[in-house]
Amino acid sequence: MKSNVGTVDRVIRILAGVVLLAMFFVYQDAAWRYFALIGIIPLFTGLFGTCPLYSLFGLSTCPVKKT
């Protein structure tokens, strides 16, 4: 898969994913706890540098390579 997530976007996605997953473990008695598992998606897209939705819509936050 082609990389379509830029550096700043990757950092934000990784941080958001980690925060959401941490909330899953910190708030063990909360009824909304399992919604925090959605953090897996931004974490993986940030780690792998590709976003399926960006590919679907033809978007990219990667810098354009000058040739």
PDB file of N, CA and C in Angstrom:
ATOM      1  N   MET A   1       0.838  -1.179   0.000  1.00  0.00           N
ATOM      2  CA  MET A   1       0.000   0.000   0.000  1.00  0.00           C
ATOM      3  C   MET A   1       0.884   1.244   0.000  1.00  0.00           C
ATOM      4  N   LYS A   2       0.445   2.236  -0.731  1.00  0.00           N
ATOM      5  CA  LYS A   2       1.182   3.485  -0.846  1.00  0.00           C
ATOM      6  C   LYS A   2       0.975   4.328   0.408  1.00  0.00           C
ATOM      7  N   SER A   3       2.039   4.945   0.873  1.00  0.00           N
ATOM      8  CA  SER A   3       1.953   5.805   2.046  1.00  0.00           C
ATOM      9  C   SER A   3       1.213   7.087   1.682  1.00  0.00           C
ATOM     10  N   ASN A   4       0.190   7.432   2.442  1.00  0.00           N
ATOM     11  CA  ASN A   4      -0.573   8.645   2.176  1.00  0.00           C
ATOM     12  C   ASN A   4      -0.823   9.466   3.442  1.00  0.00           C
ATOM     13  N   VAL A   5      -0.067   9.182   4.499  1.00  0.00           N
ATOM     14  CA  VAL A   5      -0.205   9.903   5.758  1.00  0.00           C
ATOM     15  C   VAL A   5       1.134  10.573   6.067  1.00  0.00           C
ATOM     16  N   GLY A   6       1.121  11.905   6.163  1.00  0.00           N
ATOM     17  CA  GLY A   6       2.330  12.677   6.428  1.00  0.00           C
ATOM     18  C   GLY A   6       2.810  12.550   7.864  1.00  0.00           C
ATOM     19  N   THR A   7       3.956  13.136   8.137  1.00  0.00           N
ATOM     20  CA  THR A   7       4.599  13.013   9.448  1.00  0.00           C
ATOM     21  C   THR A   7       3.754  13.583  10.579  1.00  0.00           C
ATOM     22  N   VAL A   8       3.271  14.810  10.414  1.00  0.00           N
ATOM     23  CA  VAL A   8       2.464  15.435  11.475  1.00  0.00           C
ATOM     24  C   VAL A   8       1.175  14.647  11.678  1.00  0.00           C
ATOM     25  N   ASP A   9       0.559  14.236  10.592  1.00  0.00           N
ATOM     26  CA  ASP A   9      -0.667  13.443  10.656  1.00  0.00           C
ATOM     27  C   ASP A   9      -0.419  12.117  11.378  1.00  0.00           C
ATOM     28  N   ARG A  10       0.718  11.498  11.115  1.00  0.00           N
ATOM     29  CA  ARG A  10       1.057  10.226  11.767  1.00  0.00           C
ATOM     30  C   ARG A  10       1.210  10.400  13.269  1.00  0.00           C
ATOM     31  N   VAL A  11       1.915  11.454  13.675  1.00  0.00           N
ATOM     32  CA  VAL A  11       2.134  11.707  15.107  1.00  0.00           C
ATOM     33  C   VAL A  11       0.802  11.938  15.815  1.00  0.00           C
ATOM     34  N   ILE A  12      -0.070  12.733  15.199  1.00  0.00           N
ATOM     35  CA  ILE A  12      -1.381  13.006  15.804  1.00  0.00           C
ATOM     36  C   ILE A  12      -2.200  11.726  15.918  1.00  0.00           C
ATOM     37  N   ARG A  13      -2.169  10.893  14.866  1.00  0.00           N
ATOM     38  CA  ARG A  13      -2.925   9.637  14.888  1.00  0.00           C
ATOM     39  C   ARG A  13      -2.396   8.686  15.964  1.00  0.00           C
ATOM     40  N   ILE A  14      -1.094   8.583  16.080  1.00  0.00           N
ATOM     41  CA  ILE A  14      -0.500   7.688  17.081  1.00  0.00           C
ATOM     42  C   ILE A  14      -0.846   8.160  18.489  1.00  0.00           C
ATOM     43  N   LEU A  15      -0.707   9.461  18.733  1.00  0.00           N
ATOM     44  CA  LEU A  15      -1.046   9.989  20.057  1.00  0.00           C
ATOM     45  C   LEU A  15      -2.522   9.798  20.382  1.00  0.00           C
ATOM     46  N   ALA A  16      -3.390  10.065  19.422  1.00  0.00           N
ATOM     47  CA  ALA A  16      -4.830   9.884  19.652  1.00  0.00           C
ATOM     48  C   ALA A  16      -5.153   8.420  19.933  1.00  0.00           C
ATOM     49  N   GLY A  17      -4.531   7.515  19.190  1.00  0.00           N
ATOM     50  CA  GLY A  17      -4.763   6.091  19.403  1.00  0.00           C
ATOM     51  C   GLY A  17      -4.302   5.629  20.776  1.00  0.00           C
ATOM     52  N   VAL A  18      -3.139   6.093  21.182  1.00  0.00           N
ATOM     53  CA  VAL A  18      -2.610   5.708  22.496  1.00  0.00           C
ATOM     54  C   VAL A  18      -3.488   6.261  23.612  1.00  0.00           C
ATOM     55  N   VAL A  19      -3.931   7.505  23.473  1.00  0.00           N
ATOM     56  CA  VAL A  19      -4.790   8.110  24.499  1.00  0.00           C
ATOM     57  C   VAL A  19      -6.114   7.357  24.608  1.00  0.00           C
ATOM     58  N   LEU A  20      -6.724   7.053  23.477  1.00  0.00           N
ATOM     59  CA  LEU A  20      -7.998   6.323  23.511  1.00  0.00           C
ATOM     60  C   LEU A  20      -7.835   4.928  24.109  1.00  0.00           C
ATOM     61  N   LEU A  21      -6.774   4.241  23.744  1.00  0.00           N
ATOM     62  CA  LEU A  21      -6.558   2.907  24.312  1.00  0.00           C
ATOM     63  C   LEU A  21      -6.222   2.977  25.801  1.00  0.00           C
ATOM     64  N   ALA A  22      -5.527   4.024  26.221  1.00  0.00           N
ATOM     65  CA  ALA A  22      -5.242   4.195  27.648  1.00  0.00           C
ATOM     66  C   ALA A  22      -6.533   4.417  28.425  1.00  0.00           C
ATOM     67  N   MET A  23      -7.471   5.148  27.822  1.00  0.00           N
ATOM     68  CA  MET A  23      -8.758   5.366  28.479  1.00  0.00           C
ATOM     69  C   MET A  23      -9.496   4.052  28.690  1.00  0.00           C
ATOM     70  N   PHE A  24      -9.320   3.103  27.798  1.00  0.00           N
ATOM     71  CA  PHE A  24      -9.954   1.793  27.937  1.00  0.00           C
ATOM     72  C   PHE A  24      -9.478   1.106  29.220  1.00  0.00           C
ATOM     73  N   PHE A  25      -8.190   1.247  29.523  1.00  0.00           N
ATOM     74  CA  PHE A  25      -7.638   0.577  30.704  1.00  0.00           C
ATOM     75  C   PHE A  25      -7.796   1.392  31.978  1.00  0.00           C
ATOM     76  N   VAL A  26      -7.836   2.714  31.871  1.00  0.00           N
ATOM     77  CA  VAL A  26      -7.936   3.559  33.062  1.00  0.00           C
ATOM     78  C   VAL A  26      -9.358   3.560  33.624  1.00  0.00           C
ATOM     79  N   TYR A  27     -10.346   3.703  32.751  1.00  0.00           N
ATOM     80  CA  TYR A  27     -11.744   3.788  33.184  1.00  0.00           C
ATOM     81  C   TYR A  27     -12.418   2.421  33.065  1.00  0.00           C
ATOM     82  N   GLN A  28     -12.069   1.517  33.956  1.00  0.00           N
ATOM     83  CA  GLN A  28     -12.559   0.148  33.860  1.00  0.00           C
ATOM     84  C   GLN A  28     -14.023  -0.006  34.248  1.00  0.00           C
ATOM     85  N   ASP A  29     -14.571   0.921  34.992  1.00  0.00           N
ATOM     86  CA  ASP A  29     -15.971   0.819  35.411  1.00  0.00           C
ATOM     87  C   ASP A  29     -16.922   1.636  34.538  1.00  0.00           C
ATOM     88  N   ALA A  30     -16.395   2.351  33.566  1.00  0.00           N
ATOM     89  CA  ALA A  30     -17.235   3.212  32.724  1.00  0.00           C
ATOM     90  C   ALA A  30     -18.022   2.387  31.711  1.00  0.00           C
ATOM     91  N   ALA A  31     -19.263   2.812  31.476  1.00  0.00           N
ATOM     92  CA  ALA A  31     -20.119   2.103  30.533  1.00  0.00           C
ATOM     93  C   ALA A  31     -19.635   2.292  29.088  1.00  0.00           C
ATOM     94  N   TRP A  32     -18.987   3.416  28.808  1.00  0.00           N
ATOM     95  CA  TRP A  32     -18.514   3.735  27.459  1.00  0.00           C
ATOM     96  C   TRP A  32     -17.122   3.190  27.188  1.00  0.00           C
ATOM     97  N   ARG A  33     -16.594   2.424  28.086  1.00  0.00           N
ATOM     98  CA  ARG A  33     -15.218   1.934  28.021  1.00  0.00           C
ATOM     99  C   ARG A  33     -14.881   1.282  26.680  1.00  0.00           C
ATOM    100  N   TYR A  34     -15.769   0.488  26.138  1.00  0.00           N
ATOM    101  CA  TYR A  34     -15.462  -0.263  24.916  1.00  0.00           C
ATOM    102  C   TYR A  34     -15.428   0.625  23.673  1.00  0.00           C
ATOM    103  N   PHE A  35     -16.011   1.810  23.746  1.00  0.00           N
ATOM    104  CA  PHE A  35     -15.906   2.743  22.628  1.00  0.00           C
ATOM    105  C   PHE A  35     -14.475   3.256  22.474  1.00  0.00           C
ATOM    106  N   ALA A  36     -13.699   3.198  23.537  1.00  0.00           N
ATOM    107  CA  ALA A  36     -12.311   3.653  23.484  1.00  0.00           C
ATOM    108  C   ALA A  36     -11.450   2.724  22.630  1.00  0.00           C
ATOM    109  N   LEU A  37     -11.924   1.522  22.354  1.00  0.00           N
ATOM    110  CA  LEU A  37     -11.166   0.598  21.507  1.00  0.00           C
ATOM    111  C   LEU A  37     -11.067   1.088  20.062  1.00  0.00           C
ATOM    112  N   ILE A  38     -11.846   2.098  19.714  1.00  0.00           N
ATOM    113  CA  ILE A  38     -11.752   2.694  18.382  1.00  0.00           C
ATOM    114  C   ILE A  38     -10.346   3.284  18.176  1.00  0.00           C
ATOM    115  N   GLY A  39      -9.607   3.468  19.251  1.00  0.00           N
ATOM    116  CA  GLY A  39      -8.242   3.980  19.179  1.00  0.00           C
ATOM    117  C   GLY A  39      -7.298   3.069  18.419  1.00  0.00           C
ATOM    118  N   ILE A  40      -7.694   1.831  18.203  1.00  0.00           N
ATOM    119  CA  ILE A  40      -6.867   0.903  17.432  1.00  0.00           C
ATOM    120  C   ILE A  40      -6.715   1.398  15.996  1.00  0.00           C
ATOM    121  N   ILE A  41      -7.759   1.986  15.455  1.00  0.00           N
ATOM    122  CA  ILE A  41      -7.732   2.435  14.054  1.00  0.00           C
ATOM    123  C   ILE A  41      -6.723   3.560  13.828  1.00  0.00           C
ATOM    124  N   PRO A  42      -6.796   4.687  14.574  1.00  0.00           N
ATOM    125  CA  PRO A  42      -5.786   5.720  14.327  1.00  0.00           C
ATOM    126  C   PRO A  42      -4.375   5.267  14.683  1.00  0.00           C
ATOM    127  N   LEU A  43      -4.252   4.390  15.674  1.00  0.00           N
ATOM    128  CA  LEU A  43      -2.926   3.894  16.028  1.00  0.00           C
ATOM    129  C   LEU A  43      -2.312   3.115  14.872  1.00  0.00           C
ATOM    130  N   PHE A  44      -3.047   2.189  14.292  1.00  0.00           N
ATOM    131  CA  PHE A  44      -2.506   1.388  13.189  1.00  0.00           C
ATOM    132  C   PHE A  44      -2.289   2.215  11.930  1.00  0.00           C
ATOM    133  N   THR A  45      -3.198   3.123  11.612  1.00  0.00           N
ATOM    134  CA  THR A  45      -2.995   3.943  10.417  1.00  0.00           C
ATOM    135  C   THR A  45      -1.794   4.859  10.593  1.00  0.00           C
ATOM    136  N   GLY A  46      -1.555   5.314  11.813  1.00  0.00           N
ATOM    137  CA  GLY A  46      -0.373   6.135  12.070  1.00  0.00           C
ATOM    138  C   GLY A  46       0.916   5.330  12.018  1.00  0.00           C
ATOM    139  N   LEU A  47       0.888   4.139  12.553  1.00  0.00           N
ATOM    140  CA  LEU A  47       2.092   3.302  12.552  1.00  0.00           C
ATOM    141  C   LEU A  47       2.457   2.819  11.155  1.00  0.00           C
ATOM    142  N   PHE A  48       1.456   2.466  10.355  1.00  0.00           N
ATOM    143  CA  PHE A  48       1.723   1.937   9.022  1.00  0.00           C
ATOM    144  C   PHE A  48       1.816   3.023   7.958  1.00  0.00           C
ATOM    145  N   GLY A  49       1.358   4.244   8.260  1.00  0.00           N
ATOM    146  CA  GLY A  49       1.497   5.361   7.335  1.00  0.00           C
ATOM    147  C   GLY A  49       0.538   5.341   6.164  1.00  0.00           C
ATOM    148  N   THR A  50      -0.500   4.573   6.262  1.00  0.00           N
ATOM    149  CA  THR A  50      -1.487   4.534   5.187  1.00  0.00           C
ATOM    150  C   THR A  50      -2.891   4.523   5.782  1.00  0.00           C
ATOM    151  N   CYS A  51      -3.787   5.264   5.131  1.00  0.00           N
ATOM    152  CA  CYS A  51      -5.166   5.359   5.595  1.00  0.00           C
ATOM    153  C   CYS A  51      -6.088   4.916   4.469  1.00  0.00           C
ATOM    154  N   PRO A  52      -6.883   3.886   4.685  1.00  0.00           N
ATOM    155  CA  PRO A  52      -7.789   3.421   3.635  1.00  0.00           C
ATOM    156  C   PRO A  52      -8.799   4.484   3.185  1.00  0.00           C
ATOM    157  N   LEU A  53      -9.279   5.311   4.100  1.00  0.00           N
ATOM    158  CA  LEU A  53     -10.225   6.363   3.711  1.00  0.00           C
ATOM    159  C   LEU A  53      -9.555   7.416   2.840  1.00  0.00           C
ATOM    160  N   TYR A  54      -8.301   7.759   3.143  1.00  0.00           N
ATOM    161  CA  TYR A  54      -7.564   8.685   2.291  1.00  0.00           C
ATOM    162  C   TYR A  54      -7.422   8.111   0.890  1.00  0.00           C
ATOM    163  N   SER A  55      -7.141   6.822   0.787  1.00  0.00           N
ATOM    164  CA  SER A  55      -7.012   6.179  -0.524  1.00  0.00           C
ATOM    165  C   SER A  55      -8.340   6.204  -1.273  1.00  0.00           C
ATOM    166  N   LEU A  56      -9.414   5.959  -0.562  1.00  0.00           N
ATOM    167  CA  LEU A  56     -10.741   5.944  -1.172  1.00  0.00           C
ATOM    168  C   LEU A  56     -11.102   7.301  -1.765  1.00  0.00           C
ATOM    169  N   PHE A  57     -10.764   8.376  -1.051  1.00  0.00           N
ATOM    170  CA  PHE A  57     -11.098   9.720  -1.500  1.00  0.00           C
ATOM    171  C   PHE A  57      -9.971  10.398  -2.276  1.00  0.00           C
ATOM    172  N   GLY A  58      -8.853   9.722  -2.454  1.00  0.00           N
ATOM    173  CA  GLY A  58      -7.733  10.280  -3.213  1.00  0.00           C
ATOM    174  C   GLY A  58      -6.983  11.388  -2.485  1.00  0.00           C
ATOM    175  N   LEU A  59      -6.970  11.336  -1.169  1.00  0.00           N
ATOM    176  CA  LEU A  59      -6.289  12.346  -0.363  1.00  0.00           C
ATOM    177  C   LEU A  59      -4.907  11.876   0.057  1.00  0.00           C
ATOM    178  N   SER A  60      -4.049  12.819   0.408  1.00  0.00           N
ATOM    179  CA  SER A  60      -2.733  12.485   0.920  1.00  0.00           C
ATOM    180  C   SER A  60      -2.198  13.669   1.705  1.00  0.00           C
ATOM    181  N   THR A  61      -1.575  13.409   2.845  1.00  0.00           N
ATOM    182  CA  THR A  61      -0.935  14.473   3.624  1.00  0.00           C
ATOM    183  C   THR A  61       0.579  14.361   3.546  1.00  0.00           C
ATOM    184  N   CYS A  62       1.063  13.457   2.698  1.00  0.00           N
ATOM    185  CA  CYS A  62       2.500  13.321   2.486  1.00  0.00           C
ATOM    186  C   CYS A  62       2.995  14.495   1.636  1.00  0.00           C
ATOM    187  N   PRO A  63       4.215  14.938   1.895  1.00  0.00           N
ATOM    188  CA  PRO A  63       4.758  16.001   1.047  1.00  0.00           C
ATOM    189  C   PRO A  63       4.982  15.503  -0.376  1.00  0.00           C
ATOM    190  N   VAL A  64       4.806  16.390  -1.322  1.00  0.00           N
ATOM    191  CA  VAL A  64       4.983  16.043  -2.728  1.00  0.00           C
ATOM    192  C   VAL A  64       6.470  15.956  -3.029  1.00  0.00           C
ATOM    193  N   LYS A  65       6.879  14.859  -3.659  1.00  0.00           N
ATOM    194  CA  LYS A  65       8.281  14.662  -4.009  1.00  0.00           C
ATOM    195  C   LYS A  65       8.610  15.460  -5.255  1.00  0.00           C
ATOM    196  N   LYS A  66       9.678  16.255  -5.166  1.00  0.00           N
ATOM    197  CA  LYS A  66      10.095  17.055  -6.316  1.00  0.00           C
ATOM    198  C   LYS A  66      11.065  16.241  -7.144  1.00  0.00           C
ATOM    199  N   THR A  67      10.828  16.166  -8.441  1.00  0.00           N
ATOM    200  CA  THR A  67      11.708  15.399  -9.316  1.00  0.00           C
ATOM    201  C   THR A  67      12.515  16.299 -10.193  1.00  0.00           C
TER     202      THR A  67
END
